[in-house]
Amino acid sequence: MGSRPDGWWRDRAGAAVRLHADITRLAASGRATLPDEPGETGTERAGTPGFVMVLEGAAKAAAARLAPPEPNASPEPNASPEPNASPVPPGEVRVVQAAGSGDDAIVAVVRRLPGRRVVVTADRGLRERCVAAGAEIRGPGWLLGLISGLYPAEPNPLPPPWPATLLVMG
């Protein structure tokens, strides 16, 4: 959230709700294709990711304001206090409420989730911890560019060869 000078610091929960709405629209658009990742034949693409949004501190109040789950979804609440270890389906936006440090929660999600994990952060310490845990890193400008449509992705004709998850801190 800190990458957009939109007054997020005055209403962290409201900013988290807006970011969640942006990420949900991005996920539904199919434009969130991750950069190519060569596979065994050199032609596979990573595909459209699932998303995990981590809320910490005052931003955790946003969990109660997020849209209810889709019909026929599990009756569990939208935001989970514990990182779920199951793969995040392409286009899904999962919310995790950090019990303490948001950075610690992101690293825990990276360690628990299978497949390709991409963390969006500009924080040097978090970048190092996530890379050590097996994640790739993208800066906030990359995600904000996708959200604003500045960097439209090419259509992805191939299914993803493995699950990919994008982690964002709200």
C-alpha atoms as a PDB file:
ATOM      1  CA  MET A   1       0.000   0.000   0.000  1.00  0.00           C
ATOM      2  CA  GLY A   2       2.869   2.339   0.741  1.00  0.00           C
ATOM      3  CA  SER A   3       3.716   2.610  -2.946  1.00  0.00           C
ATOM      4  CA  ARG A   4       0.626   4.706  -3.698  1.00  0.00           C
ATOM      5  CA  PRO A   5       0.414   8.187  -2.185  1.00  0.00           C
ATOM      6  CA  ASP A   6      -3.378   7.986  -1.798  1.00  0.00           C
ATOM      7  CA  GLY A   7      -3.633   8.711   1.929  1.00  0.00           C
ATOM      8  CA  TRP A   8      -3.450   5.034   2.918  1.00  0.00           C
ATOM      9  CA  TRP A   9      -1.727   5.959   6.185  1.00  0.00           C
ATOM     10  CA  ARG A  10      -4.898   7.744   7.400  1.00  0.00           C
ATOM     11  CA  ASP A  11      -7.166   4.746   6.748  1.00  0.00           C
ATOM     12  CA  ARG A  12      -5.144   1.540   6.500  1.00  0.00           C
ATOM     13  CA  ALA A  13      -8.201  -0.713   6.493  1.00  0.00           C
ATOM     14  CA  GLY A  14      -9.830   1.338   3.734  1.00  0.00           C
ATOM     15  CA  ALA A  15      -6.630   1.229   1.699  1.00  0.00           C
ATOM     16  CA  ALA A  16      -6.467  -2.546   2.160  1.00  0.00           C
ATOM     17  CA  VAL A  17     -10.085  -2.864   0.952  1.00  0.00           C
ATOM     18  CA  ARG A  18      -9.227  -0.784  -2.146  1.00  0.00           C
ATOM     19  CA  LEU A  19      -6.094  -2.834  -2.829  1.00  0.00           C
ATOM     20  CA  HIS A  20      -8.067  -6.063  -2.415  1.00  0.00           C
ATOM     21  CA  ALA A  21     -10.674  -4.789  -4.902  1.00  0.00           C
ATOM     22  CA  ASP A  22      -7.910  -3.893  -7.369  1.00  0.00           C
ATOM     23  CA  ILE A  23      -6.264  -7.292  -6.993  1.00  0.00           C
ATOM     24  CA  THR A  24      -9.609  -9.073  -7.330  1.00  0.00           C
ATOM     25  CA  ARG A  25     -10.324  -7.185 -10.584  1.00  0.00           C
ATOM     26  CA  LEU A  26      -6.809  -7.928 -11.822  1.00  0.00           C
ATOM     27  CA  ALA A  27      -7.165 -11.624 -10.975  1.00  0.00           C
ATOM     28  CA  ALA A  28     -10.511 -11.821 -12.791  1.00  0.00           C
ATOM     29  CA  SER A  29      -9.176  -9.982 -15.842  1.00  0.00           C
ATOM     30  CA  GLY A  30      -6.597 -12.627 -16.757  1.00  0.00           C
ATOM     31  CA  ARG A  31      -4.008  -9.844 -17.270  1.00  0.00           C
ATOM     32  CA  ALA A  32      -1.942 -10.935 -14.285  1.00  0.00           C
ATOM     33  CA  THR A  33       0.174 -13.361 -16.273  1.00  0.00           C
ATOM     34  CA  LEU A  34       3.564 -13.865 -14.691  1.00  0.00           C
ATOM     35  CA  PRO A  35       6.688 -13.550 -16.836  1.00  0.00           C
ATOM     36  CA  ASP A  36       7.672 -16.611 -18.846  1.00  0.00           C
ATOM     37  CA  GLU A  37       9.299 -19.399 -16.924  1.00  0.00           C
ATOM     38  CA  PRO A  38      10.977 -22.027 -19.097  1.00  0.00           C
ATOM     39  CA  GLY A  39      10.115 -25.632 -18.418  1.00  0.00           C
ATOM     40  CA  GLU A  40      11.642 -28.836 -19.723  1.00  0.00           C
ATOM     41  CA  THR A  41      10.860 -27.992 -23.332  1.00  0.00           C
ATOM     42  CA  GLY A  42      11.565 -24.284 -22.918  1.00  0.00           C
ATOM     43  CA  THR A  43       8.062 -23.342 -24.090  1.00  0.00           C
ATOM     44  CA  GLU A  44       5.922 -23.472 -20.935  1.00  0.00           C
ATOM     45  CA  ARG A  45       4.570 -20.329 -19.331  1.00  0.00           C
ATOM     46  CA  ALA A  46       3.776 -19.807 -15.676  1.00  0.00           C
ATOM     47  CA  GLY A  47       0.210 -18.714 -16.393  1.00  0.00           C
ATOM     48  CA  THR A  48      -2.221 -16.684 -14.357  1.00  0.00           C
ATOM     49  CA  PRO A  49      -1.407 -16.723 -10.640  1.00  0.00           C
ATOM     50  CA  GLY A  50      -3.509 -17.059  -7.560  1.00  0.00           C
ATOM     51  CA  PHE A  51      -3.075 -14.259  -5.026  1.00  0.00           C
ATOM     52  CA  VAL A  52      -2.493 -14.124  -1.292  1.00  0.00           C
ATOM     53  CA  MET A  53      -2.979 -10.771   0.402  1.00  0.00           C
ATOM     54  CA  VAL A  54      -1.454 -10.497   3.868  1.00  0.00           C
ATOM     55  CA  LEU A  55      -3.014  -7.990   6.269  1.00  0.00           C
ATOM     56  CA  GLU A  56      -1.199  -6.742   9.362  1.00  0.00           C
ATOM     57  CA  GLY A  57      -1.806  -4.197  12.089  1.00  0.00           C
ATOM     58  CA  ALA A  58      -4.599  -1.689  11.460  1.00  0.00           C
ATOM     59  CA  ALA A  59      -5.118  -3.079   7.945  1.00  0.00           C
ATOM     60  CA  LYS A  60      -6.502  -6.318   9.478  1.00  0.00           C
ATOM     61  CA  ALA A  61      -9.770  -4.459  10.136  1.00  0.00           C
ATOM     62  CA  ALA A  62     -10.321  -4.689   6.366  1.00  0.00           C
ATOM     63  CA  ALA A  63     -11.064  -8.420   6.652  1.00  0.00           C
ATOM     64  CA  ALA A  64     -14.563  -7.685   7.950  1.00  0.00           C
ATOM     65  CA  ARG A  65     -15.212  -5.299   5.025  1.00  0.00           C
ATOM     66  CA  LEU A  66     -14.168  -7.605   2.204  1.00  0.00           C
ATOM     67  CA  ALA A  67     -16.777  -9.104  -0.103  1.00  0.00           C
ATOM     68  CA  PRO A  68     -18.348 -12.352   1.093  1.00  0.00           C
ATOM     69  CA  PRO A  69     -17.157 -15.613  -0.455  1.00  0.00           C
ATOM     70  CA  GLU A  70     -18.604 -16.831  -3.737  1.00  0.00           C
ATOM     71  CA  PRO A  71     -21.841 -18.846  -3.527  1.00  0.00           C
ATOM     72  CA  ASN A  72     -21.165 -22.537  -2.868  1.00  0.00           C
ATOM     73  CA  ALA A  73     -17.776 -21.635  -1.352  1.00  0.00           C
ATOM     74  CA  SER A  74     -16.757 -23.091   1.974  1.00  0.00           C
ATOM     75  CA  PRO A  75     -18.431 -21.351   4.929  1.00  0.00           C
ATOM     76  CA  GLU A  76     -15.073 -20.288   6.368  1.00  0.00           C
ATOM     77  CA  PRO A  77     -14.457 -16.565   6.803  1.00  0.00           C
ATOM     78  CA  ASN A  78     -12.779 -14.598   4.008  1.00  0.00           C
ATOM     79  CA  ALA A  79      -9.622 -13.875   5.949  1.00  0.00           C
ATOM     80  CA  SER A  80      -7.672 -16.595   7.671  1.00  0.00           C
ATOM     81  CA  PRO A  81      -5.364 -16.007  10.649  1.00  0.00           C
ATOM     82  CA  GLU A  82      -3.203 -18.968   9.553  1.00  0.00           C
ATOM     83  CA  PRO A  83      -1.581 -19.335   6.136  1.00  0.00           C
ATOM     84  CA  ASN A  84      -3.301 -22.116   4.188  1.00  0.00           C
ATOM     85  CA  ALA A  85      -0.899 -24.645   2.687  1.00  0.00           C
ATOM     86  CA  SER A  86      -3.204 -25.638  -0.174  1.00  0.00           C
ATOM     87  CA  PRO A  87      -2.393 -24.247  -3.621  1.00  0.00           C
ATOM     88  CA  VAL A  88      -4.166 -21.026  -4.523  1.00  0.00           C
ATOM     89  CA  PRO A  89      -6.148 -21.636  -7.729  1.00  0.00           C
ATOM     90  CA  PRO A  90      -5.417 -19.286 -10.645  1.00  0.00           C
ATOM     91  CA  GLY A  91      -7.406 -16.087 -10.273  1.00  0.00           C
ATOM     92  CA  GLU A  92      -8.351 -16.668  -6.618  1.00  0.00           C
ATOM     93  CA  VAL A  93      -7.548 -14.004  -4.009  1.00  0.00           C
ATOM     94  CA  ARG A  94      -6.892 -15.459  -0.554  1.00  0.00           C
ATOM     95  CA  VAL A  95      -6.552 -13.168   2.482  1.00  0.00           C
ATOM     96  CA  VAL A  96      -4.356 -13.962   5.503  1.00  0.00           C
ATOM     97  CA  GLN A  97      -4.386 -11.919   8.694  1.00  0.00           C
ATOM     98  CA  ALA A  98      -0.913 -11.799  10.215  1.00  0.00           C
ATOM     99  CA  ALA A  99      -0.941 -12.797  13.883  1.00  0.00           C
ATOM    100  CA  GLY A 100       2.089 -10.570  14.411  1.00  0.00           C
ATOM    101  CA  SER A 101       4.545  -9.293  11.848  1.00  0.00           C
ATOM    102  CA  GLY A 102       3.268  -9.132   8.275  1.00  0.00           C
ATOM    103  CA  ASP A 103       6.763  -9.977   7.036  1.00  0.00           C
ATOM    104  CA  ASP A 104       6.806 -13.128   9.164  1.00  0.00           C
ATOM    105  CA  ALA A 105       3.382 -14.121   7.806  1.00  0.00           C
ATOM    106  CA  ILE A 106       4.531 -13.635   4.200  1.00  0.00           C
ATOM    107  CA  VAL A 107       7.623 -15.780   4.762  1.00  0.00           C
ATOM    108  CA  ALA A 108       5.427 -18.447   6.404  1.00  0.00           C
ATOM    109  CA  VAL A 109       3.101 -18.448   3.365  1.00  0.00           C
ATOM    110  CA  VAL A 110       6.086 -18.738   1.026  1.00  0.00           C
ATOM    111  CA  ARG A 111       7.367 -21.729   2.989  1.00  0.00           C
ATOM    112  CA  ARG A 112       3.989 -23.478   3.144  1.00  0.00           C
ATOM    113  CA  LEU A 113       2.677 -23.030  -0.400  1.00  0.00           C
ATOM    114  CA  PRO A 114       3.785 -25.373  -3.174  1.00  0.00           C
ATOM    115  CA  GLY A 115       4.842 -24.257  -6.636  1.00  0.00           C
ATOM    116  CA  ARG A 116       6.109 -20.950  -7.865  1.00  0.00           C
ATOM    117  CA  ARG A 117       5.756 -18.096  -5.373  1.00  0.00           C
ATOM    118  CA  VAL A 118       6.255 -14.430  -6.259  1.00  0.00           C
ATOM    119  CA  VAL A 119       6.349 -11.816  -3.511  1.00  0.00           C
ATOM    120  CA  VAL A 120       5.646  -8.171  -4.277  1.00  0.00           C
ATOM    121  CA  THR A 121       7.724  -5.966  -1.991  1.00  0.00           C
ATOM    122  CA  ALA A 122      10.294  -3.196  -1.983  1.00  0.00           C
ATOM    123  CA  ASP A 123      11.533  -4.085   1.505  1.00  0.00           C
ATOM    124  CA  ARG A 124      15.134  -5.312   1.253  1.00  0.00           C
ATOM    125  CA  GLY A 125      14.995  -7.486   4.377  1.00  0.00           C
ATOM    126  CA  LEU A 126      11.742  -9.152   3.317  1.00  0.00           C
ATOM    127  CA  ARG A 127      13.118  -9.686  -0.176  1.00  0.00           C
ATOM    128  CA  GLU A 128      16.133 -11.544   1.225  1.00  0.00           C
ATOM    129  CA  ARG A 129      14.020 -13.699   3.551  1.00  0.00           C
ATOM    130  CA  CYS A 130      11.568 -14.611   0.777  1.00  0.00           C
ATOM    131  CA  VAL A 131      14.295 -15.482  -1.726  1.00  0.00           C
ATOM    132  CA  ALA A 132      15.913 -17.694   0.930  1.00  0.00           C
ATOM    133  CA  ALA A 133      12.512 -19.398   1.372  1.00  0.00           C
ATOM    134  CA  GLY A 134      12.238 -20.051  -2.377  1.00  0.00           C
ATOM    135  CA  ALA A 135      10.243 -17.094  -3.716  1.00  0.00           C
ATOM    136  CA  GLU A 136      10.826 -14.755  -6.627  1.00  0.00           C
ATOM    137  CA  ILE A 137      10.525 -11.018  -6.055  1.00  0.00           C
ATOM    138  CA  ARG A 138       8.776  -8.270  -7.996  1.00  0.00           C
ATOM    139  CA  GLY A 139       8.618  -4.630  -6.980  1.00  0.00           C
ATOM    140  CA  PRO A 140       5.369  -2.813  -6.221  1.00  0.00           C
ATOM    141  CA  GLY A 141       5.651  -0.901  -9.505  1.00  0.00           C
ATOM    142  CA  TRP A 142       5.227  -4.176 -11.402  1.00  0.00           C
ATOM    143  CA  LEU A 143       1.943  -4.974  -9.652  1.00  0.00           C
ATOM    144  CA  LEU A 144       0.676  -1.396  -9.791  1.00  0.00           C
ATOM    145  CA  GLY A 145       1.514  -1.334 -13.507  1.00  0.00           C
ATOM    146  CA  LEU A 146      -0.628  -4.426 -14.050  1.00  0.00           C
ATOM    147  CA  ILE A 147      -3.426  -2.933 -11.982  1.00  0.00           C
ATOM    148  CA  SER A 148      -3.399   0.334 -13.878  1.00  0.00           C
ATOM    149  CA  GLY A 149      -3.139  -1.420 -17.249  1.00  0.00           C
ATOM    150  CA  LEU A 150       0.220   0.136 -18.087  1.00  0.00           C
ATOM    151  CA  TYR A 151       1.758  -3.249 -18.798  1.00  0.00           C
ATOM    152  CA  PRO A 152      -0.935  -5.393 -20.401  1.00  0.00           C
ATOM    153  CA  ALA A 153       0.084  -9.018 -20.551  1.00  0.00           C
ATOM    154  CA  GLU A 154      -0.183 -11.121 -23.667  1.00  0.00           C
ATOM    155  CA  PRO A 155      -2.928 -13.737 -23.672  1.00  0.00           C
ATOM    156  CA  ASN A 156      -1.701 -17.005 -22.258  1.00  0.00           C
ATOM    157  CA  PRO A 157      -2.706 -19.864 -24.590  1.00  0.00           C
ATOM    158  CA  LEU A 158      -0.995 -22.542 -22.509  1.00  0.00           C
ATOM    159  CA  PRO A 159      -2.166 -23.776 -19.106  1.00  0.00           C
ATOM    160  CA  PRO A 160       0.263 -23.229 -16.237  1.00  0.00           C
ATOM    161  CA  PRO A 161       2.696 -26.140 -15.793  1.00  0.00           C
ATOM    162  CA  TRP A 162       2.614 -25.680 -11.993  1.00  0.00           C
ATOM    163  CA  PRO A 163       0.721 -23.547  -9.495  1.00  0.00           C
ATOM    164  CA  ALA A 164       1.897 -19.963  -9.159  1.00  0.00           C
ATOM    165  CA  THR A 165       1.018 -17.695  -6.269  1.00  0.00           C
ATOM    166  CA  LEU A 166       1.515 -13.968  -5.951  1.00  0.00           C
ATOM    167  CA  LEU A 167       1.799 -12.638  -2.380  1.00  0.00           C
ATOM    168  CA  VAL A 168       0.911  -9.046  -1.631  1.00  0.00           C
ATOM    169  CA  MET A 169       0.954  -7.269   1.703  1.00  0.00           C
ATOM    170  CA  GLY A 170      -1.972  -4.974   2.437  1.00  0.00           C
END
